[in-house]
Amino acid sequence: GPDDHIFTGSKADWWEIPDDLPRF
């Protein structure tokens, strides 16, 4: 699966990231 979440500063405000992958 994926390594991380990127560009989380632009994340949709209706979606909450549910996992513990690294975030940038």
PDB file of all heavy atoms in Angstrom:
ATOM      1  N   GLY A   1       0.802  -1.200   0.000  1.00  0.00           N
ATOM      2  CA  GLY A   1       0.000   0.000   0.000  1.00  0.00           C
ATOM      3  C   GLY A   1       0.840   1.257   0.000  1.00  0.00           C
ATOM      4  O   GLY A   1       2.056   1.217  -0.213  1.00  0.00           O
ATOM      5  N   PRO A   2       0.214   2.409   0.273  1.00  0.00           N
ATOM      6  CA  PRO A   2       0.934   3.687   0.212  1.00  0.00           C
ATOM      7  C   PRO A   2       1.928   3.860   1.344  1.00  0.00           C
ATOM      8  O   PRO A   2       1.818   3.250   2.405  1.00  0.00           O
ATOM      9  CB  PRO A   2      -0.190   4.723   0.301  1.00  0.00           C
ATOM     10  CG  PRO A   2      -1.314   4.000   0.972  1.00  0.00           C
ATOM     11  CD  PRO A   2      -1.220   2.587   0.527  1.00  0.00           C
ATOM     12  N   ASP A   3       2.925   4.715   1.084  1.00  0.00           N
ATOM     13  CA  ASP A   3       3.971   5.022   2.067  1.00  0.00           C
ATOM     14  C   ASP A   3       3.562   6.149   3.007  1.00  0.00           C
ATOM     15  O   ASP A   3       3.999   6.196   4.155  1.00  0.00           O
ATOM     16  CB  ASP A   3       5.265   5.433   1.355  1.00  0.00           C
ATOM     17  CG  ASP A   3       5.767   4.374   0.398  1.00  0.00           C
ATOM     18  OD1 ASP A   3       5.760   3.189   0.767  1.00  0.00           O
ATOM     19  OD2 ASP A   3       6.153   4.742  -0.730  1.00  0.00           O
ATOM     20  N   ASP A   4       2.760   7.102   2.496  1.00  0.00           N
ATOM     21  CA  ASP A   4       2.496   8.304   3.280  1.00  0.00           C
ATOM     22  C   ASP A   4       1.333   9.077   2.681  1.00  0.00           C
ATOM     23  O   ASP A   4       0.735   8.654   1.683  1.00  0.00           O
ATOM     24  CB  ASP A   4       3.749   9.193   3.316  1.00  0.00           C
ATOM     25  CG  ASP A   4       4.340   9.449   1.924  1.00  0.00           C
ATOM     26  OD1 ASP A   4       3.567   9.458   0.943  1.00  0.00           O
ATOM     27  OD2 ASP A   4       5.573   9.637   1.815  1.00  0.00           O
ATOM     28  N   HIS A   5       1.029  10.199   3.314  1.00  0.00           N
ATOM     29  CA  HIS A   5       0.064  11.176   2.811  1.00  0.00           C
ATOM     30  C   HIS A   5       0.843  12.453   2.504  1.00  0.00           C
ATOM     31  O   HIS A   5       1.612  12.934   3.342  1.00  0.00           O
ATOM     32  CB  HIS A   5      -1.012  11.486   3.854  1.00  0.00           C
ATOM     33  CG  HIS A   5      -1.892  10.333   4.191  1.00  0.00           C
ATOM     34  ND1 HIS A   5      -3.038  10.030   3.499  1.00  0.00           N
ATOM     35  CD2 HIS A   5      -1.783   9.384   5.170  1.00  0.00           C
ATOM     36  CE1 HIS A   5      -3.608   8.966   4.031  1.00  0.00           C
ATOM     37  NE2 HIS A   5      -2.863   8.547   5.046  1.00  0.00           N
ATOM     38  N   ILE A   6       0.630  13.007   1.310  1.00  0.00           N
ATOM     39  CA  ILE A   6       1.329  14.231   0.945  1.00  0.00           C
ATOM     40  C   ILE A   6       0.326  15.340   0.616  1.00  0.00           C
ATOM     41  O   ILE A   6      -0.833  15.075   0.321  1.00  0.00           O
ATOM     42  CB  ILE A   6       2.301  14.011  -0.238  1.00  0.00           C
ATOM     43  CG1 ILE A   6       1.549  13.596  -1.504  1.00  0.00           C
ATOM     44  CG2 ILE A   6       3.340  12.946   0.133  1.00  0.00           C
ATOM     45  CD1 ILE A   6       2.452  13.488  -2.742  1.00  0.00           C
ATOM     46  N   PHE A   7       0.795  16.563   0.715  1.00  0.00           N
ATOM     47  CA  PHE A   7      -0.031  17.750   0.488  1.00  0.00           C
ATOM     48  C   PHE A   7      -1.279  17.743   1.378  1.00  0.00           C
ATOM     49  O   PHE A   7      -2.375  18.130   0.950  1.00  0.00           O
ATOM     50  CB  PHE A   7      -0.401  17.892  -0.991  1.00  0.00           C
ATOM     51  CG  PHE A   7       0.764  18.262  -1.872  1.00  0.00           C
ATOM     52  CD1 PHE A   7       1.411  17.297  -2.629  1.00  0.00           C
ATOM     53  CD2 PHE A   7       1.224  19.563  -1.918  1.00  0.00           C
ATOM     54  CE1 PHE A   7       2.502  17.625  -3.426  1.00  0.00           C
ATOM     55  CE2 PHE A   7       2.314  19.905  -2.707  1.00  0.00           C
ATOM     56  CZ  PHE A   7       2.960  18.932  -3.461  1.00  0.00           C
ATOM     57  N   THR A   8      -1.082  17.324   2.631  1.00  0.00           N
ATOM     58  CA  THR A   8      -2.211  17.312   3.551  1.00  0.00           C
ATOM     59  C   THR A   8      -2.663  18.722   3.917  1.00  0.00           C
ATOM     60  O   THR A   8      -3.760  18.897   4.455  1.00  0.00           O
ATOM     61  CB  THR A   8      -1.862  16.547   4.835  1.00  0.00           C
ATOM     62  OG1 THR A   8      -0.699  17.133   5.442  1.00  0.00           O
ATOM     63  CG2 THR A   8      -1.577  15.083   4.527  1.00  0.00           C
ATOM     64  N   GLY A   9      -1.840  19.727   3.637  1.00  0.00           N
ATOM     65  CA  GLY A   9      -2.267  21.099   3.845  1.00  0.00           C
ATOM     66  C   GLY A   9      -3.427  21.496   2.951  1.00  0.00           C
ATOM     67  O   GLY A   9      -4.106  22.495   3.214  1.00  0.00           O
ATOM     68  N   SER A  10      -3.658  20.702   1.887  1.00  0.00           N
ATOM     69  CA  SER A  10      -4.772  20.960   0.971  1.00  0.00           C
ATOM     70  C   SER A  10      -5.890  19.940   1.132  1.00  0.00           C
ATOM     71  O   SER A  10      -6.784  19.852   0.289  1.00  0.00           O
ATOM     72  CB  SER A  10      -4.281  20.924  -0.483  1.00  0.00           C
ATOM     73  OG  SER A  10      -3.249  21.860  -0.702  1.00  0.00           O
ATOM     74  N   LYS A  11      -5.865  19.169   2.211  1.00  0.00           N
ATOM     75  CA  LYS A  11      -6.821  18.085   2.418  1.00  0.00           C
ATOM     76  C   LYS A  11      -8.262  18.597   2.410  1.00  0.00           C
ATOM     77  O   LYS A  11      -8.556  19.685   2.897  1.00  0.00           O
ATOM     78  CB  LYS A  11      -6.526  17.400   3.751  1.00  0.00           C
ATOM     79  CG  LYS A  11      -7.431  16.223   4.077  1.00  0.00           C
ATOM     80  CD  LYS A  11      -7.112  15.659   5.435  1.00  0.00           C
ATOM     81  CE  LYS A  11      -7.534  16.571   6.555  1.00  0.00           C
ATOM     82  NZ  LYS A  11      -9.020  16.728   6.627  1.00  0.00           N
ATOM     83  N   ALA A  12      -9.167  17.791   1.868  1.00  0.00           N
ATOM     84  CA  ALA A  12     -10.588  18.121   1.904  1.00  0.00           C
ATOM     85  C   ALA A  12     -11.062  18.178   3.355  1.00  0.00           C
ATOM     86  O   ALA A  12     -10.749  17.293   4.157  1.00  0.00           O
ATOM     87  CB  ALA A  12     -11.388  17.068   1.140  1.00  0.00           C
ATOM     88  N   ASP A  13     -11.821  19.215   3.681  1.00  0.00           N
ATOM     89  CA  ASP A  13     -12.211  19.385   5.081  1.00  0.00           C
ATOM     90  C   ASP A  13     -13.282  18.394   5.515  1.00  0.00           C
ATOM     91  O   ASP A  13     -13.574  18.271   6.710  1.00  0.00           O
ATOM     92  CB  ASP A  13     -12.659  20.821   5.349  1.00  0.00           C
ATOM     93  CG  ASP A  13     -13.881  21.234   4.541  1.00  0.00           C
ATOM     94  OD1 ASP A  13     -14.404  20.409   3.766  1.00  0.00           O
ATOM     95  OD2 ASP A  13     -14.327  22.391   4.702  1.00  0.00           O
ATOM     96  N   TRP A  14     -13.885  17.669   4.582  1.00  0.00           N
ATOM     97  CA  TRP A  14     -14.894  16.679   4.940  1.00  0.00           C
ATOM     98  C   TRP A  14     -14.305  15.278   5.111  1.00  0.00           C
ATOM     99  O   TRP A  14     -15.039  14.322   5.394  1.00  0.00           O
ATOM    100  CB  TRP A  14     -16.002  16.649   3.889  1.00  0.00           C
ATOM    101  CG  TRP A  14     -15.530  16.673   2.466  1.00  0.00           C
ATOM    102  CD1 TRP A  14     -15.438  17.770   1.649  1.00  0.00           C
ATOM    103  CD2 TRP A  14     -15.078  15.559   1.686  1.00  0.00           C
ATOM    104  NE1 TRP A  14     -14.955  17.408   0.414  1.00  0.00           N
ATOM    105  CE2 TRP A  14     -14.731  16.054   0.408  1.00  0.00           C
ATOM    106  CE3 TRP A  14     -14.944  14.194   1.938  1.00  0.00           C
ATOM    107  CZ2 TRP A  14     -14.253  15.237  -0.608  1.00  0.00           C
ATOM    108  CZ3 TRP A  14     -14.467  13.367   0.934  1.00  0.00           C
ATOM    109  CH2 TRP A  14     -14.132  13.899  -0.325  1.00  0.00           C
ATOM    110  N   TRP A  15     -12.986  15.134   4.936  1.00  0.00           N
ATOM    111  CA  TRP A  15     -12.353  13.828   5.056  1.00  0.00           C
ATOM    112  C   TRP A  15     -11.294  13.855   6.150  1.00  0.00           C
ATOM    113  O   TRP A  15     -10.428  14.720   6.156  1.00  0.00           O
ATOM    114  CB  TRP A  15     -11.713  13.415   3.724  1.00  0.00           C
ATOM    115  CG  TRP A  15     -10.954  12.128   3.814  1.00  0.00           C
ATOM    116  CD1 TRP A  15      -9.603  11.950   3.760  1.00  0.00           C
ATOM    117  CD2 TRP A  15     -11.513  10.828   3.999  1.00  0.00           C
ATOM    118  NE1 TRP A  15      -9.284  10.621   3.902  1.00  0.00           N
ATOM    119  CE2 TRP A  15     -10.444   9.898   4.053  1.00  0.00           C
ATOM    120  CE3 TRP A  15     -12.818  10.345   4.137  1.00  0.00           C
ATOM    121  CZ2 TRP A  15     -10.635   8.532   4.221  1.00  0.00           C
ATOM    122  CZ3 TRP A  15     -13.009   8.978   4.308  1.00  0.00           C
ATOM    123  CH2 TRP A  15     -11.934   8.099   4.341  1.00  0.00           C
ATOM    124  N   GLU A  16     -11.375  12.894   7.064  1.00  0.00           N
ATOM    125  CA  GLU A  16     -10.381  12.757   8.119  1.00  0.00           C
ATOM    126  C   GLU A  16      -9.496  11.549   7.812  1.00  0.00           C
ATOM    127  O   GLU A  16     -10.005  10.458   7.546  1.00  0.00           O
ATOM    128  CB  GLU A  16     -11.055  12.579   9.483  1.00  0.00           C
ATOM    129  CG  GLU A  16     -11.808  13.820   9.963  1.00  0.00           C
ATOM    130  CD  GLU A  16     -10.900  15.033  10.087  1.00  0.00           C
ATOM    131  OE1 GLU A  16      -9.729  14.849  10.479  1.00  0.00           O
ATOM    132  OE2 GLU A  16     -11.359  16.147   9.794  1.00  0.00           O
ATOM    133  N   ILE A  17      -8.191  11.748   7.841  1.00  0.00           N
ATOM    134  CA  ILE A  17      -7.249  10.662   7.568  1.00  0.00           C
ATOM    135  C   ILE A  17      -7.304   9.665   8.724  1.00  0.00           C
ATOM    136  O   ILE A  17      -7.060  10.033   9.876  1.00  0.00           O
ATOM    137  CB  ILE A  17      -5.830  11.210   7.390  1.00  0.00           C
ATOM    138  CG1 ILE A  17      -5.786  12.170   6.198  1.00  0.00           C
ATOM    139  CG2 ILE A  17      -4.831  10.073   7.198  1.00  0.00           C
ATOM    140  CD1 ILE A  17      -4.458  12.889   6.023  1.00  0.00           C
ATOM    141  N   PRO A  18      -7.616   8.387   8.445  1.00  0.00           N
ATOM    142  CA  PRO A  18      -7.873   7.450   9.536  1.00  0.00           C
ATOM    143  C   PRO A  18      -6.677   6.607   9.961  1.00  0.00           C
ATOM    144  O   PRO A  18      -6.806   5.792  10.866  1.00  0.00           O
ATOM    145  CB  PRO A  18      -8.966   6.551   8.944  1.00  0.00           C
ATOM    146  CG  PRO A  18      -8.602   6.470   7.490  1.00  0.00           C
ATOM    147  CD  PRO A  18      -8.009   7.815   7.131  1.00  0.00           C
ATOM    148  N   ASP A  19      -5.525   6.754   9.295  1.00  0.00           N
ATOM    149  CA  ASP A  19      -4.399   5.864   9.588  1.00  0.00           C
ATOM    150  C   ASP A  19      -3.227   6.646  10.170  1.00  0.00           C
ATOM    151  O   ASP A  19      -3.281   7.863  10.333  1.00  0.00           O
ATOM    152  CB  ASP A  19      -3.974   5.112   8.318  1.00  0.00           C
ATOM    153  CG  ASP A  19      -3.622   6.054   7.172  1.00  0.00           C
ATOM    154  OD1 ASP A  19      -2.729   6.915   7.362  1.00  0.00           O
ATOM    155  OD2 ASP A  19      -4.222   5.946   6.086  1.00  0.00           O
ATOM    156  N   ASP A  20      -2.161   5.903  10.480  1.00  0.00           N
ATOM    157  CA  ASP A  20      -0.984   6.500  11.110  1.00  0.00           C
ATOM    158  C   ASP A  20       0.197   6.650  10.156  1.00  0.00           C
ATOM    159  O   ASP A  20       1.344   6.806  10.608  1.00  0.00           O
ATOM    160  CB  ASP A  20      -0.558   5.644  12.313  1.00  0.00           C
ATOM    161  CG  ASP A  20      -1.608   5.637  13.408  1.00  0.00           C
ATOM    162  OD1 ASP A  20      -2.269   6.677  13.595  1.00  0.00           O
ATOM    163  OD2 ASP A  20      -1.783   4.580  14.055  1.00  0.00           O
ATOM    164  N   LEU A  21      -0.048   6.629   8.850  1.00  0.00           N
ATOM    165  CA  LEU A  21       1.043   6.819   7.898  1.00  0.00           C
ATOM    166  C   LEU A  21       1.640   8.218   8.064  1.00  0.00           C
ATOM    167  O   LEU A  21       0.938   9.149   8.481  1.00  0.00           O
ATOM    168  CB  LEU A  21       0.536   6.651   6.461  1.00  0.00           C
ATOM    169  CG  LEU A  21       0.112   5.244   6.033  1.00  0.00           C
ATOM    170  CD1 LEU A  21      -0.489   5.286   4.622  1.00  0.00           C
ATOM    171  CD2 LEU A  21       1.283   4.280   6.078  1.00  0.00           C
ATOM    172  N   PRO A  22       2.928   8.394   7.744  1.00  0.00           N
ATOM    173  CA  PRO A  22       3.532   9.740   7.813  1.00  0.00           C
ATOM    174  C   PRO A  22       2.740  10.739   6.979  1.00  0.00           C
ATOM    175  O   PRO A  22       2.185  10.384   5.929  1.00  0.00           O
ATOM    176  CB  PRO A  22       4.933   9.515   7.244  1.00  0.00           C
ATOM    177  CG  PRO A  22       5.212   8.063   7.472  1.00  0.00           C
ATOM    178  CD  PRO A  22       3.898   7.364   7.321  1.00  0.00           C
ATOM    179  N   ARG A  23       2.715  11.965   7.431  1.00  0.00           N
ATOM    180  CA  ARG A  23       1.978  13.025   6.740  1.00  0.00           C
ATOM    181  C   ARG A  23       2.898  14.198   6.458  1.00  0.00           C
ATOM    182  O   ARG A  23       3.702  14.578   7.299  1.00  0.00           O
ATOM    183  CB  ARG A  23       0.794  13.497   7.594  1.00  0.00           C
ATOM    184  CG  ARG A  23      -0.164  12.387   7.997  1.00  0.00           C
ATOM    185  CD  ARG A  23      -1.314  12.898   8.844  1.00  0.00           C
ATOM    186  NE  ARG A  23      -2.113  11.812   9.386  1.00  0.00           N
ATOM    187  CZ  ARG A  23      -3.232  11.973  10.063  1.00  0.00           C
ATOM    188  NH1 ARG A  23      -3.692  13.196  10.298  1.00  0.00           N
ATOM    189  NH2 ARG A  23      -3.880  10.920  10.515  1.00  0.00           N
ATOM    190  N   PHE A  24       2.733  14.751   5.263  1.00  0.00           N
ATOM    191  CA  PHE A  24       3.524  15.902   4.845  1.00  0.00           C
ATOM    192  C   PHE A  24       2.573  16.975   4.342  1.00  0.00           C
ATOM    193  O   PHE A  24       1.711  16.693   3.496  1.00  0.00           O
ATOM    194  CB  PHE A  24       4.526  15.530   3.744  1.00  0.00           C
ATOM    195  CG  PHE A  24       5.504  14.459   4.151  1.00  0.00           C
ATOM    196  CD1 PHE A  24       5.211  13.126   3.947  1.00  0.00           C
ATOM    197  CD2 PHE A  24       6.711  14.802   4.748  1.00  0.00           C
ATOM    198  CE1 PHE A  24       6.113  12.128   4.321  1.00  0.00           C
ATOM    199  CE2 PHE A  24       7.616  13.822   5.120  1.00  0.00           C
ATOM    200  CZ  PHE A  24       7.315  12.479   4.908  1.00  0.00           C
TER     201      PHE A  24
END
